[in-house]
Each structure stands twice: as C-alpha cells, then as structure tokens.
Amino acid sequence: METQEKLNTQTVEEVKNGAAMAAVLAAAIGSFALGLIVLFKALDLLSIPAIYEPSGGVSGRTTLAVIIWLIVWGILHFRWKDRQISYQNTLMLSLILIGGSIVFTFPPLWGLF
C-alpha cells in the first residue's frame, strides 16, 4: 500500500529516464557503427575476417557493430541510470545517427568516394 501511494504522488519530472535513453542512443550508435563499418569495407579501408564462413564477411562486420553497441550501452547506462535525460535531444540525435547509417549502407554513395 505504501509503495502504491508513493507512485501516485510521484510526478513525471521525478521519474528517471536515463536507462531508457541510454538504450535508445546506444542502439542508434550501434546502427551508425554498422553503417560506418560497411562504408569502410566498401572503400577497402577496413578488413574484418568472417566469424562464420557460410555467411561470409557480414558475420564479422555485424559482430563488431554489436560489440560496439553493447559497450556504448553499458557505458551510457552506468552514467545515465539515475538521471533525467532530455528525451527530445536524445531522440533527435538517435534519428540523425540512424539516418546516417542508412545513407552509409547505400551502394551508390560508395562510388562518390
């Protein structure tokens, strides 16, 4: 009963959203990392070996992007878990990063470099 009363009196400003915003931004950064990895591979600036041969080099590239995502998520979660983070800024930055990752994986862009 006491916990329910506490929840009822808590305002929106008091709720900490840092953990959720860390997850959102980390996913966008991981997506952007994958886009950069694909672009660098297309430009022959990066060579990552295959982890699972039947799938080819994509297994190594996606594994590296997942590792980057997990590291960033862990760092952001540790730093933001007890904070109130501006969701507008975080979501806008996330959308920009995801848009960049889509552009980087677009093959006609690779010919411009």
PDB file of N, CA and C in Angstrom:
ATOM      1  N   MET A   1       0.824  -1.191   0.000  1.00  0.00           N
ATOM      2  CA  MET A   1       0.000   0.000   0.000  1.00  0.00           C
ATOM      3  C   MET A   1       0.874   1.262   0.000  1.00  0.00           C
ATOM      4  N   GLU A   2       1.930   1.212   0.796  1.00  0.00           N
ATOM      5  CA  GLU A   2       2.812   2.371   0.874  1.00  0.00           C
ATOM      6  C   GLU A   2       3.497   2.652  -0.455  1.00  0.00           C
ATOM      7  N   THR A   3       3.900   1.609  -1.165  1.00  0.00           N
ATOM      8  CA  THR A   3       4.546   1.770  -2.466  1.00  0.00           C
ATOM      9  C   THR A   3       3.580   2.373  -3.472  1.00  0.00           C
ATOM     10  N   GLN A   4       2.328   1.948  -3.447  1.00  0.00           N
ATOM     11  CA  GLN A   4       1.324   2.492  -4.365  1.00  0.00           C
ATOM     12  C   GLN A   4       1.101   3.976  -4.117  1.00  0.00           C
ATOM     13  N   GLU A   5       1.053   4.385  -2.860  1.00  0.00           N
ATOM     14  CA  GLU A   5       0.884   5.805  -2.532  1.00  0.00           C
ATOM     15  C   GLU A   5       2.080   6.608  -3.019  1.00  0.00           C
ATOM     16  N   LYS A   6       3.260   6.030  -2.890  1.00  0.00           N
ATOM     17  CA  LYS A   6       4.471   6.702  -3.355  1.00  0.00           C
ATOM     18  C   LYS A   6       4.425   6.907  -4.862  1.00  0.00           C
ATOM     19  N   LEU A   7       3.982   5.900  -5.600  1.00  0.00           N
ATOM     20  CA  LEU A   7       3.877   6.011  -7.051  1.00  0.00           C
ATOM     21  C   LEU A   7       2.833   7.042  -7.464  1.00  0.00           C
ATOM     22  N   ASN A   8       1.742   7.113  -6.742  1.00  0.00           N
ATOM     23  CA  ASN A   8       0.685   8.066  -7.076  1.00  0.00           C
ATOM     24  C   ASN A   8       1.121   9.504  -6.879  1.00  0.00           C
ATOM     25  N   THR A   9       2.000   9.757  -5.927  1.00  0.00           N
ATOM     26  CA  THR A   9       2.426  11.126  -5.654  1.00  0.00           C
ATOM     27  C   THR A   9       3.640  11.547  -6.472  1.00  0.00           C
ATOM     28  N   GLN A  10       4.264  10.599  -7.135  1.00  0.00           N
ATOM     29  CA  GLN A  10       5.458  10.907  -7.922  1.00  0.00           C
ATOM     30  C   GLN A  10       5.059  11.626  -9.207  1.00  0.00           C
ATOM     31  N   THR A  11       5.748  12.701  -9.526  1.00  0.00           N
ATOM     32  CA  THR A  11       5.446  13.452 -10.736  1.00  0.00           C
ATOM     33  C   THR A  11       6.303  12.953 -11.879  1.00  0.00           C
ATOM     34  N   VAL A  12       5.970  13.375 -13.085  1.00  0.00           N
ATOM     35  CA  VAL A  12       6.707  12.965 -14.277  1.00  0.00           C
ATOM     36  C   VAL A  12       8.159  13.427 -14.214  1.00  0.00           C
ATOM     37  N   GLU A  13       8.390  14.599 -13.654  1.00  0.00           N
ATOM     38  CA  GLU A  13       9.746  15.126 -13.587  1.00  0.00           C
ATOM     39  C   GLU A  13      10.650  14.286 -12.684  1.00  0.00           C
ATOM     40  N   GLU A  14      10.073  13.577 -11.718  1.00  0.00           N
ATOM     41  CA  GLU A  14      10.866  12.806 -10.774  1.00  0.00           C
ATOM     42  C   GLU A  14      11.273  11.442 -11.327  1.00  0.00           C
ATOM     43  N   VAL A  15      10.596  10.977 -12.350  1.00  0.00           N
ATOM     44  CA  VAL A  15      10.905   9.665 -12.912  1.00  0.00           C
ATOM     45  C   VAL A  15      12.198   9.761 -13.710  1.00  0.00           C
ATOM     46  N   LYS A  16      13.137   8.896 -13.392  1.00  0.00           N
ATOM     47  CA  LYS A  16      14.424   8.897 -14.083  1.00  0.00           C
ATOM     48  C   LYS A  16      14.304   8.087 -15.370  1.00  0.00           C
ATOM     49  N   ASN A  17      14.664   8.697 -16.489  1.00  0.00           N
ATOM     50  CA  ASN A  17      14.565   8.022 -17.787  1.00  0.00           C
ATOM     51  C   ASN A  17      15.935   7.739 -18.392  1.00  0.00           C
ATOM     52  N   GLY A  18      16.984   7.901 -17.619  1.00  0.00           N
ATOM     53  CA  GLY A  18      18.342   7.743 -18.138  1.00  0.00           C
ATOM     54  C   GLY A  18      18.628   6.366 -18.712  1.00  0.00           C
ATOM     55  N   ALA A  19      18.141   5.324 -18.050  1.00  0.00           N
ATOM     56  CA  ALA A  19      18.394   3.966 -18.547  1.00  0.00           C
ATOM     57  C   ALA A  19      17.731   3.750 -19.901  1.00  0.00           C
ATOM     58  N   ALA A  20      16.510   4.235 -20.054  1.00  0.00           N
ATOM     59  CA  ALA A  20      15.809   4.086 -21.334  1.00  0.00           C
ATOM     60  C   ALA A  20      16.484   4.909 -22.428  1.00  0.00           C
ATOM     61  N   MET A  21      16.869   6.131 -22.117  1.00  0.00           N
ATOM     62  CA  MET A  21      17.529   6.976 -23.113  1.00  0.00           C
ATOM     63  C   MET A  21      18.900   6.408 -23.478  1.00  0.00           C
ATOM     64  N   ALA A  22      19.571   5.769 -22.519  1.00  0.00           N
ATOM     65  CA  ALA A  22      20.850   5.117 -22.811  1.00  0.00           C
ATOM     66  C   ALA A  22      20.647   3.989 -23.813  1.00  0.00           C
ATOM     67  N   ALA A  23      19.583   3.217 -23.646  1.00  0.00           N
ATOM     68  CA  ALA A  23      19.305   2.113 -24.573  1.00  0.00           C
ATOM     69  C   ALA A  23      18.993   2.633 -25.969  1.00  0.00           C
ATOM     70  N   VAL A  24      18.204   3.696 -26.053  1.00  0.00           N
ATOM     71  CA  VAL A  24      17.832   4.255 -27.354  1.00  0.00           C
ATOM     72  C   VAL A  24      19.060   4.808 -28.077  1.00  0.00           C
ATOM     73  N   LEU A  25      19.846   5.613 -27.384  1.00  0.00           N
ATOM     74  CA  LEU A  25      21.017   6.216 -28.014  1.00  0.00           C
ATOM     75  C   LEU A  25      22.069   5.153 -28.358  1.00  0.00           C
ATOM     76  N   ALA A  26      22.240   4.161 -27.504  1.00  0.00           N
ATOM     77  CA  ALA A  26      23.205   3.101 -27.793  1.00  0.00           C
ATOM     78  C   ALA A  26      22.812   2.317 -29.039  1.00  0.00           C
ATOM     79  N   ALA A  27      21.527   2.057 -29.211  1.00  0.00           N
ATOM     80  CA  ALA A  27      21.067   1.354 -30.419  1.00  0.00           C
ATOM     81  C   ALA A  27      21.359   2.180 -31.666  1.00  0.00           C
ATOM     82  N   ALA A  28      21.147   3.484 -31.575  1.00  0.00           N
ATOM     83  CA  ALA A  28      21.430   4.354 -32.717  1.00  0.00           C
ATOM     84  C   ALA A  28      22.924   4.404 -33.009  1.00  0.00           C
ATOM     85  N   ILE A  29      23.742   4.445 -31.968  1.00  0.00           N
ATOM     86  CA  ILE A  29      25.191   4.463 -32.168  1.00  0.00           C
ATOM     87  C   ILE A  29      25.662   3.139 -32.764  1.00  0.00           C
ATOM     88  N   GLY A  30      25.088   2.036 -32.313  1.00  0.00           N
ATOM     89  CA  GLY A  30      25.419   0.733 -32.893  1.00  0.00           C
ATOM     90  C   GLY A  30      25.034   0.651 -34.358  1.00  0.00           C
ATOM     91  N   SER A  31      23.888   1.214 -34.689  1.00  0.00           N
ATOM     92  CA  SER A  31      23.444   1.256 -36.085  1.00  0.00           C
ATOM     93  C   SER A  31      24.402   2.103 -36.922  1.00  0.00           C
ATOM     94  N   PHE A  32      24.785   3.252 -36.390  1.00  0.00           N
ATOM     95  CA  PHE A  32      25.717   4.131 -37.091  1.00  0.00           C
ATOM     96  C   PHE A  32      27.071   3.445 -37.268  1.00  0.00           C
ATOM     97  N   ALA A  33      27.506   2.711 -36.240  1.00  0.00           N
ATOM     98  CA  ALA A  33      28.773   1.976 -36.331  1.00  0.00           C
ATOM     99  C   ALA A  33      28.714   0.949 -37.451  1.00  0.00           C
ATOM    100  N   LEU A  34      27.592   0.252 -37.559  1.00  0.00           N
ATOM    101  CA  LEU A  34      27.459  -0.728 -38.650  1.00  0.00           C
ATOM    102  C   LEU A  34      27.513  -0.030 -40.005  1.00  0.00           C
ATOM    103  N   GLY A  35      26.862   1.120 -40.123  1.00  0.00           N
ATOM    104  CA  GLY A  35      26.922   1.871 -41.376  1.00  0.00           C
ATOM    105  C   GLY A  35      28.346   2.278 -41.729  1.00  0.00           C
ATOM    106  N   LEU A  36      29.095   2.743 -40.736  1.00  0.00           N
ATOM    107  CA  LEU A  36      30.491   3.127 -40.978  1.00  0.00           C
ATOM    108  C   LEU A  36      31.344   1.917 -41.355  1.00  0.00           C
ATOM    109  N   ILE A  37      31.109   0.808 -40.668  1.00  0.00           N
ATOM    110  CA  ILE A  37      31.871  -0.402 -40.975  1.00  0.00           C
ATOM    111  C   ILE A  37      31.614  -0.851 -42.409  1.00  0.00           C
ATOM    112  N   VAL A  38      30.354  -0.816 -42.830  1.00  0.00           N
ATOM    113  CA  VAL A  38      30.007  -1.199 -44.205  1.00  0.00           C
ATOM    114  C   VAL A  38      30.659  -0.233 -45.202  1.00  0.00           C
ATOM    115  N   LEU A  39      30.597   1.063 -44.914  1.00  0.00           N
ATOM    116  CA  LEU A  39      31.210   2.054 -45.800  1.00  0.00           C
ATOM    117  C   LEU A  39      32.715   1.856 -45.893  1.00  0.00           C
ATOM    118  N   PHE A  40      33.372   1.674 -44.746  1.00  0.00           N
ATOM    119  CA  PHE A  40      34.820   1.464 -44.753  1.00  0.00           C
ATOM    120  C   PHE A  40      35.209   0.185 -45.478  1.00  0.00           C
ATOM    121  N   LYS A  41      34.398  -0.856 -45.351  1.00  0.00           N
ATOM    122  CA  LYS A  41      34.655  -2.103 -46.077  1.00  0.00           C
ATOM    123  C   LYS A  41      34.501  -1.883 -47.586  1.00  0.00           C
ATOM    124  N   ALA A  42      33.472  -1.137 -47.978  1.00  0.00           N
ATOM    125  CA  ALA A  42      33.246  -0.869 -49.401  1.00  0.00           C
ATOM    126  C   ALA A  42      34.379  -0.045 -50.001  1.00  0.00           C
ATOM    127  N   LEU A  43      34.991   0.802 -49.195  1.00  0.00           N
ATOM    128  CA  LEU A  43      36.098   1.642 -49.662  1.00  0.00           C
ATOM    129  C   LEU A  43      37.452   0.967 -49.456  1.00  0.00           C
ATOM    130  N   ASP A  44      37.455  -0.285 -49.034  1.00  0.00           N
ATOM    131  CA  ASP A  44      38.672  -1.057 -48.764  1.00  0.00           C
ATOM    132  C   ASP A  44      39.573  -0.390 -47.729  1.00  0.00           C
ATOM    133  N   LEU A  45      38.957   0.272 -46.745  1.00  0.00           N
ATOM    134  CA  LEU A  45      39.710   0.878 -45.653  1.00  0.00           C
ATOM    135  C   LEU A  45      39.726   0.008 -44.411  1.00  0.00           C
ATOM    136  N   LEU A  46      38.888  -1.036 -44.405  1.00  0.00           N
ATOM    137  CA  LEU A  46      38.748  -1.892 -43.230  1.00  0.00           C
ATOM    138  C   LEU A  46      38.539  -3.325 -43.685  1.00  0.00           C
ATOM    139  N   SER A  47      39.268  -4.222 -43.082  1.00  0.00           N
ATOM    140  CA  SER A  47      39.109  -5.634 -43.399  1.00  0.00           C
ATOM    141  C   SER A  47      38.834  -6.394 -42.105  1.00  0.00           C
ATOM    142  N   ILE A  48      37.658  -6.973 -42.002  1.00  0.00           N
ATOM    143  CA  ILE A  48      37.273  -7.741 -40.823  1.00  0.00           C
ATOM    144  C   ILE A  48      37.037  -9.178 -41.258  1.00  0.00           C
ATOM    145  N   PRO A  49      37.695 -10.124 -40.617  1.00  0.00           N
ATOM    146  CA  PRO A  49      37.527 -11.519 -41.036  1.00  0.00           C
ATOM    147  C   PRO A  49      36.132 -12.055 -40.707  1.00  0.00           C
ATOM    148  N   ALA A  50      35.735 -13.059 -41.453  1.00  0.00           N
ATOM    149  CA  ALA A  50      34.443 -13.708 -41.220  1.00  0.00           C
ATOM    150  C   ALA A  50      34.517 -14.527 -39.947  1.00  0.00           C
ATOM    151  N   ILE A  51      33.461 -14.501 -39.179  1.00  0.00           N
ATOM    152  CA  ILE A  51      33.382 -15.318 -37.968  1.00  0.00           C
ATOM    153  C   ILE A  51      32.721 -16.651 -38.284  1.00  0.00           C
ATOM    154  N   TYR A  52      31.764 -16.623 -39.180  1.00  0.00           N
ATOM    155  CA  TYR A  52      31.058 -17.829 -39.605  1.00  0.00           C
ATOM    156  C   TYR A  52      31.142 -17.876 -41.119  1.00  0.00           C
ATOM    157  N   GLU A  53      31.980 -18.748 -41.644  1.00  0.00           N
ATOM    158  CA  GLU A  53      32.306 -18.780 -43.076  1.00  0.00           C
ATOM    159  C   GLU A  53      31.105 -18.860 -44.025  1.00  0.00           C
ATOM    160  N   PRO A  54      30.076 -19.679 -43.753  1.00  0.00           N
ATOM    161  CA  PRO A  54      28.960 -19.733 -44.702  1.00  0.00           C
ATOM    162  C   PRO A  54      28.267 -18.379 -44.917  1.00  0.00           C
ATOM    163  N   SER A  55      28.301 -17.504 -43.916  1.00  0.00           N
ATOM    164  CA  SER A  55      27.666 -16.194 -44.108  1.00  0.00           C
ATOM    165  C   SER A  55      28.631 -15.168 -44.685  1.00  0.00           C
ATOM    166  N   GLY A  56      29.899 -15.480 -44.697  1.00  0.00           N
ATOM    167  CA  GLY A  56      30.885 -14.573 -45.269  1.00  0.00           C
ATOM    168  C   GLY A  56      31.284 -13.460 -44.309  1.00  0.00           C
ATOM    169  N   GLY A  57      31.779 -12.384 -44.885  1.00  0.00           N
ATOM    170  CA  GLY A  57      32.295 -11.264 -44.112  1.00  0.00           C
ATOM    171  C   GLY A  57      31.261 -10.508 -43.310  1.00  0.00           C
ATOM    172  N   VAL A  58      29.997 -10.667 -43.671  1.00  0.00           N
ATOM    173  CA  VAL A  58      28.951  -9.947 -42.941  1.00  0.00           C
ATOM    174  C   VAL A  58      28.902 -10.378 -41.475  1.00  0.00           C
ATOM    175  N   SER A  59      29.289 -11.609 -41.175  1.00  0.00           N
ATOM    176  CA  SER A  59      29.270 -12.070 -39.784  1.00  0.00           C
ATOM    177  C   SER A  59      30.279 -11.297 -38.937  1.00  0.00           C
ATOM    178  N   GLY A  60      31.433 -11.014 -39.477  1.00  0.00           N
ATOM    179  CA  GLY A  60      32.430 -10.243 -38.747  1.00  0.00           C
ATOM    180  C   GLY A  60      32.026  -8.783 -38.574  1.00  0.00           C
ATOM    181  N   ARG A  61      31.484  -8.204 -39.631  1.00  0.00           N
ATOM    182  CA  ARG A  61      31.075  -6.796 -39.571  1.00  0.00           C
ATOM    183  C   ARG A  61      29.938  -6.578 -38.582  1.00  0.00           C
ATOM    184  N   THR A  62      28.938  -7.435 -38.626  1.00  0.00           N
ATOM    185  CA  THR A  62      27.807  -7.267 -37.700  1.00  0.00           C
ATOM    186  C   THR A  62      28.212  -7.582 -36.263  1.00  0.00           C
ATOM    187  N   THR A  63      29.101  -8.535 -36.087  1.00  0.00           N
ATOM    188  CA  THR A  63      29.574  -8.837 -34.731  1.00  0.00           C
ATOM    189  C   THR A  63      30.319  -7.650 -34.142  1.00  0.00           C
ATOM    190  N   LEU A  64      31.149  -6.994 -34.930  1.00  0.00           N
ATOM    191  CA  LEU A  64      31.851  -5.806 -34.454  1.00  0.00           C
ATOM    192  C   LEU A  64      30.859  -4.703 -34.082  1.00  0.00           C
ATOM    193  N   ALA A  65      29.837  -4.508 -34.892  1.00  0.00           N
ATOM    194  CA  ALA A  65      28.828  -3.491 -34.588  1.00  0.00           C
ATOM    195  C   ALA A  65      28.076  -3.824 -33.302  1.00  0.00           C
ATOM    196  N   VAL A  66      27.770  -5.086 -33.083  1.00  0.00           N
ATOM    197  CA  VAL A  66      27.086  -5.497 -31.854  1.00  0.00           C
ATOM    198  C   VAL A  66      27.983  -5.268 -30.640  1.00  0.00           C
ATOM    199  N   ILE A  67      29.264  -5.554 -30.762  1.00  0.00           N
ATOM    200  CA  ILE A  67      30.191  -5.309 -29.661  1.00  0.00           C
ATOM    201  C   ILE A  67      30.251  -3.823 -29.331  1.00  0.00           C
ATOM    202  N   ILE A  68      30.315  -2.981 -30.357  1.00  0.00           N
ATOM    203  CA  ILE A  68      30.317  -1.531 -30.139  1.00  0.00           C
ATOM    204  C   ILE A  68      29.028  -1.106 -29.440  1.00  0.00           C
ATOM    205  N   TRP A  69      27.886  -1.618 -29.912  1.00  0.00           N
ATOM    206  CA  TRP A  69      26.595  -1.292 -29.303  1.00  0.00           C
ATOM    207  C   TRP A  69      26.568  -1.664 -27.829  1.00  0.00           C
ATOM    208  N   LEU A  70      27.015  -2.874 -27.495  1.00  0.00           N
ATOM    209  CA  LEU A  70      26.981  -3.322 -26.103  1.00  0.00           C
ATOM    210  C   LEU A  70      27.892  -2.493 -25.209  1.00  0.00           C
ATOM    211  N   ILE A  71      29.070  -2.146 -25.709  1.00  0.00           N
ATOM    212  CA  ILE A  71      29.995  -1.323 -24.919  1.00  0.00           C
ATOM    213  C   ILE A  71      29.399   0.061 -24.676  1.00  0.00           C
ATOM    214  N   VAL A  72      28.873   0.672 -25.728  1.00  0.00           N
ATOM    215  CA  VAL A  72      28.275   2.003 -25.583  1.00  0.00           C
ATOM    216  C   VAL A  72      27.071   1.953 -24.649  1.00  0.00           C
ATOM    217  N   TRP A  73      26.243   0.920 -24.798  1.00  0.00           N
ATOM    218  CA  TRP A  73      25.075   0.790 -23.928  1.00  0.00           C
ATOM    219  C   TRP A  73      25.492   0.659 -22.468  1.00  0.00           C
ATOM    220  N   GLY A  74      26.503  -0.156 -22.198  1.00  0.00           N
ATOM    221  CA  GLY A  74      26.972  -0.313 -20.826  1.00  0.00           C
ATOM    222  C   GLY A  74      27.487   0.987 -20.232  1.00  0.00           C
ATOM    223  N   ILE A  75      28.274   1.718 -21.005  1.00  0.00           N
ATOM    224  CA  ILE A  75      28.825   2.995 -20.523  1.00  0.00           C
ATOM    225  C   ILE A  75      27.714   4.007 -20.288  1.00  0.00           C
ATOM    226  N   LEU A  76      26.819   4.169 -21.268  1.00  0.00           N
ATOM    227  CA  LEU A  76      25.734   5.141 -21.113  1.00  0.00           C
ATOM    228  C   LEU A  76      24.801   4.758 -19.965  1.00  0.00           C
ATOM    229  N   HIS A  77      24.482   3.480 -19.844  1.00  0.00           N
ATOM    230  CA  HIS A  77      23.601   3.051 -18.753  1.00  0.00           C
ATOM    231  C   HIS A  77      24.230   3.349 -17.396  1.00  0.00           C
ATOM    232  N   PHE A  78      25.507   3.039 -17.259  1.00  0.00           N
ATOM    233  CA  PHE A  78      26.196   3.301 -15.999  1.00  0.00           C
ATOM    234  C   PHE A  78      26.191   4.790 -15.648  1.00  0.00           C
ATOM    235  N   ARG A  79      26.371   5.637 -16.664  1.00  0.00           N
ATOM    236  CA  ARG A  79      26.444   7.084 -16.413  1.00  0.00           C
ATOM    237  C   ARG A  79      25.079   7.736 -16.273  1.00  0.00           C
ATOM    238  N   TRP A  80      24.044   7.218 -16.959  1.00  0.00           N
ATOM    239  CA  TRP A  80      22.743   7.888 -17.009  1.00  0.00           C
ATOM    240  C   TRP A  80      21.644   7.245 -16.172  1.00  0.00           C
ATOM    241  N   LYS A  81      21.870   6.085 -15.566  1.00  0.00           N
ATOM    242  CA  LYS A  81      20.783   5.332 -14.957  1.00  0.00           C
ATOM    243  C   LYS A  81      20.014   6.096 -13.882  1.00  0.00           C
ATOM    244  N   ASP A  82      20.635   6.995 -13.178  1.00  0.00           N
ATOM    245  CA  ASP A  82      19.963   7.742 -12.111  1.00  0.00           C
ATOM    246  C   ASP A  82      19.706   9.196 -12.485  1.00  0.00           C
ATOM    247  N   ARG A  83      19.623   9.467 -13.783  1.00  0.00           N
ATOM    248  CA  ARG A  83      19.440  10.854 -14.230  1.00  0.00           C
ATOM    249  C   ARG A  83      18.192  11.006 -15.076  1.00  0.00           C
ATOM    250  N   GLN A  84      17.744  12.220 -15.164  1.00  0.00           N
ATOM    251  CA  GLN A  84      16.666  12.591 -16.078  1.00  0.00           C
ATOM    252  C   GLN A  84      17.336  13.183 -17.316  1.00  0.00           C
ATOM    253  N   ILE A  85      17.159  12.538 -18.461  1.00  0.00           N
ATOM    254  CA  ILE A  85      17.808  12.941 -19.709  1.00  0.00           C
ATOM    255  C   ILE A  85      16.748  13.532 -20.640  1.00  0.00           C
ATOM    256  N   SER A  86      17.102  14.578 -21.340  1.00  0.00           N
ATOM    257  CA  SER A  86      16.178  15.185 -22.301  1.00  0.00           C
ATOM    258  C   SER A  86      15.869  14.199 -23.424  1.00  0.00           C
ATOM    259  N   TYR A  87      14.632  13.772 -23.476  1.00  0.00           N
ATOM    260  CA  TYR A  87      14.281  12.786 -24.499  1.00  0.00           C
ATOM    261  C   TYR A  87      14.219  13.408 -25.883  1.00  0.00           C
ATOM    262  N   GLN A  88      13.891  14.688 -25.996  1.00  0.00           N
ATOM    263  CA  GLN A  88      13.845  15.321 -27.315  1.00  0.00           C
ATOM    264  C   GLN A  88      15.218  15.314 -27.972  1.00  0.00           C
ATOM    265  N   ASN A  89      16.236  15.724 -27.229  1.00  0.00           N
ATOM    266  CA  ASN A  89      17.588  15.769 -27.785  1.00  0.00           C
ATOM    267  C   ASN A  89      18.112  14.369 -28.095  1.00  0.00           C
ATOM    268  N   THR A  90      17.844  13.439 -27.196  1.00  0.00           N
ATOM    269  CA  THR A  90      18.327  12.073 -27.389  1.00  0.00           C
ATOM    270  C   THR A  90      17.666  11.426 -28.601  1.00  0.00           C
ATOM    271  N   LEU A  91      16.370  11.604 -28.739  1.00  0.00           N
ATOM    272  CA  LEU A  91      15.674  11.011 -29.882  1.00  0.00           C
ATOM    273  C   LEU A  91      16.077  11.667 -31.199  1.00  0.00           C
ATOM    274  N   MET A  92      16.277  12.971 -31.181  1.00  0.00           N
ATOM    275  CA  MET A  92      16.711  13.662 -32.401  1.00  0.00           C
ATOM    276  C   MET A  92      18.097  13.176 -32.825  1.00  0.00           C
ATOM    277  N   LEU A  93      19.009  13.082 -31.872  1.00  0.00           N
ATOM    278  CA  LEU A  93      20.350  12.574 -32.180  1.00  0.00           C
ATOM    279  C   LEU A  93      20.281  11.132 -32.671  1.00  0.00           C
ATOM    280  N   SER A  94      19.418  10.335 -32.055  1.00  0.00           N
ATOM    281  CA  SER A  94      19.264   8.936 -32.470  1.00  0.00           C
ATOM    282  C   SER A  94      18.750   8.841 -33.899  1.00  0.00           C
ATOM    283  N   LEU A  95      17.773   9.655 -34.245  1.00  0.00           N
ATOM    284  CA  LEU A  95      17.247   9.644 -35.610  1.00  0.00           C
ATOM    285  C   LEU A  95      18.296  10.076 -36.623  1.00  0.00           C
ATOM    286  N   ILE A  96      19.098  11.056 -36.262  1.00  0.00           N
ATOM    287  CA  ILE A  96      20.170  11.505 -37.157  1.00  0.00           C
ATOM    288  C   ILE A  96      21.193  10.383 -37.369  1.00  0.00           C
ATOM    289  N   LEU A  97      21.576   9.708 -36.290  1.00  0.00           N
ATOM    290  CA  LEU A  97      22.545   8.613 -36.404  1.00  0.00           C
ATOM    291  C   LEU A  97      21.989   7.453 -37.223  1.00  0.00           C
ATOM    292  N   ILE A  98      20.731   7.103 -37.013  1.00  0.00           N
ATOM    293  CA  ILE A  98      20.122   6.019 -37.784  1.00  0.00           C
ATOM    294  C   ILE A  98      20.013   6.419 -39.257  1.00  0.00           C
ATOM    295  N   GLY A  99      19.657   7.663 -39.521  1.00  0.00           N
ATOM    296  CA  GLY A  99      19.619   8.148 -40.906  1.00  0.00           C
ATOM    297  C   GLY A  99      20.990   8.080 -41.556  1.00  0.00           C
ATOM    298  N   GLY A 100      22.023   8.443 -40.801  1.00  0.00           N
ATOM    299  CA  GLY A 100      23.384   8.351 -41.322  1.00  0.00           C
ATOM    300  C   GLY A 100      23.774   6.921 -41.632  1.00  0.00           C
ATOM    301  N   SER A 101      23.358   5.996 -40.778  1.00  0.00           N
ATOM    302  CA  SER A 101      23.700   4.595 -41.030  1.00  0.00           C
ATOM    303  C   SER A 101      23.018   4.077 -42.287  1.00  0.00           C
ATOM    304  N   ILE A 102      21.810   4.529 -42.545  1.00  0.00           N
ATOM    305  CA  ILE A 102      21.109   4.119 -43.772  1.00  0.00           C
ATOM    306  C   ILE A 102      21.825   4.679 -44.995  1.00  0.00           C
ATOM    307  N   VAL A 103      22.248   5.926 -44.911  1.00  0.00           N
ATOM    308  CA  VAL A 103      22.959   6.548 -46.031  1.00  0.00           C
ATOM    309  C   VAL A 103      24.281   5.824 -46.293  1.00  0.00           C
ATOM    310  N   PHE A 104      25.000   5.468 -45.228  1.00  0.00           N
ATOM    311  CA  PHE A 104      26.299   4.811 -45.389  1.00  0.00           C
ATOM    312  C   PHE A 104      26.186   3.421 -46.009  1.00  0.00           C
ATOM    313  N   THR A 105      25.051   2.771 -45.869  1.00  0.00           N
ATOM    314  CA  THR A 105      24.893   1.428 -46.444  1.00  0.00           C
ATOM    315  C   THR A 105      24.273   1.471 -47.836  1.00  0.00           C
ATOM    316  N   PHE A 106      24.131   2.650 -48.401  1.00  0.00           N
ATOM    317  CA  PHE A 106      23.533   2.827 -49.730  1.00  0.00           C
ATOM    318  C   PHE A 106      24.639   2.727 -50.779  1.00  0.00           C
ATOM    319  N   PRO A 107      24.663   1.667 -51.591  1.00  0.00           N
ATOM    320  CA  PRO A 107      25.775   1.432 -52.527  1.00  0.00           C
ATOM    321  C   PRO A 107      26.106   2.598 -53.470  1.00  0.00           C
ATOM    322  N   PRO A 108      25.152   3.351 -54.006  1.00  0.00           N
ATOM    323  CA  PRO A 108      25.570   4.462 -54.889  1.00  0.00           C
ATOM    324  C   PRO A 108      26.436   5.516 -54.190  1.00  0.00           C
ATOM    325  N   LEU A 109      26.326   5.615 -52.876  1.00  0.00           N
ATOM    326  CA  LEU A 109      27.164   6.559 -52.130  1.00  0.00           C
ATOM    327  C   LEU A 109      28.629   6.137 -52.182  1.00  0.00           C
ATOM    328  N   TRP A 110      28.875   4.839 -52.198  1.00  0.00           N
ATOM    329  CA  TRP A 110      30.252   4.342 -52.173  1.00  0.00           C
ATOM    330  C   TRP A 110      31.027   4.799 -53.402  1.00  0.00           C
ATOM    331  N   GLY A 111      30.359   4.983 -54.527  1.00  0.00           N
ATOM    332  CA  GLY A 111      31.030   5.416 -55.740  1.00  0.00           C
ATOM    333  C   GLY A 111      31.464   6.878 -55.692  1.00  0.00           C
ATOM    334  N   LEU A 112      30.917   7.655 -54.766  1.00  0.00           N
ATOM    335  CA  LEU A 112      31.271   9.073 -54.672  1.00  0.00           C
ATOM    336  C   LEU A 112      32.636   9.277 -54.011  1.00  0.00           C
ATOM    337  N   PHE A 113      33.165   8.254 -53.355  1.00  0.00           N
ATOM    338  CA  PHE A 113      34.417   8.407 -52.634  1.00  0.00           C
ATOM    339  C   PHE A 113      35.568   7.913 -53.425  1.00  0.00           C
TER     340      PHE A 113
END
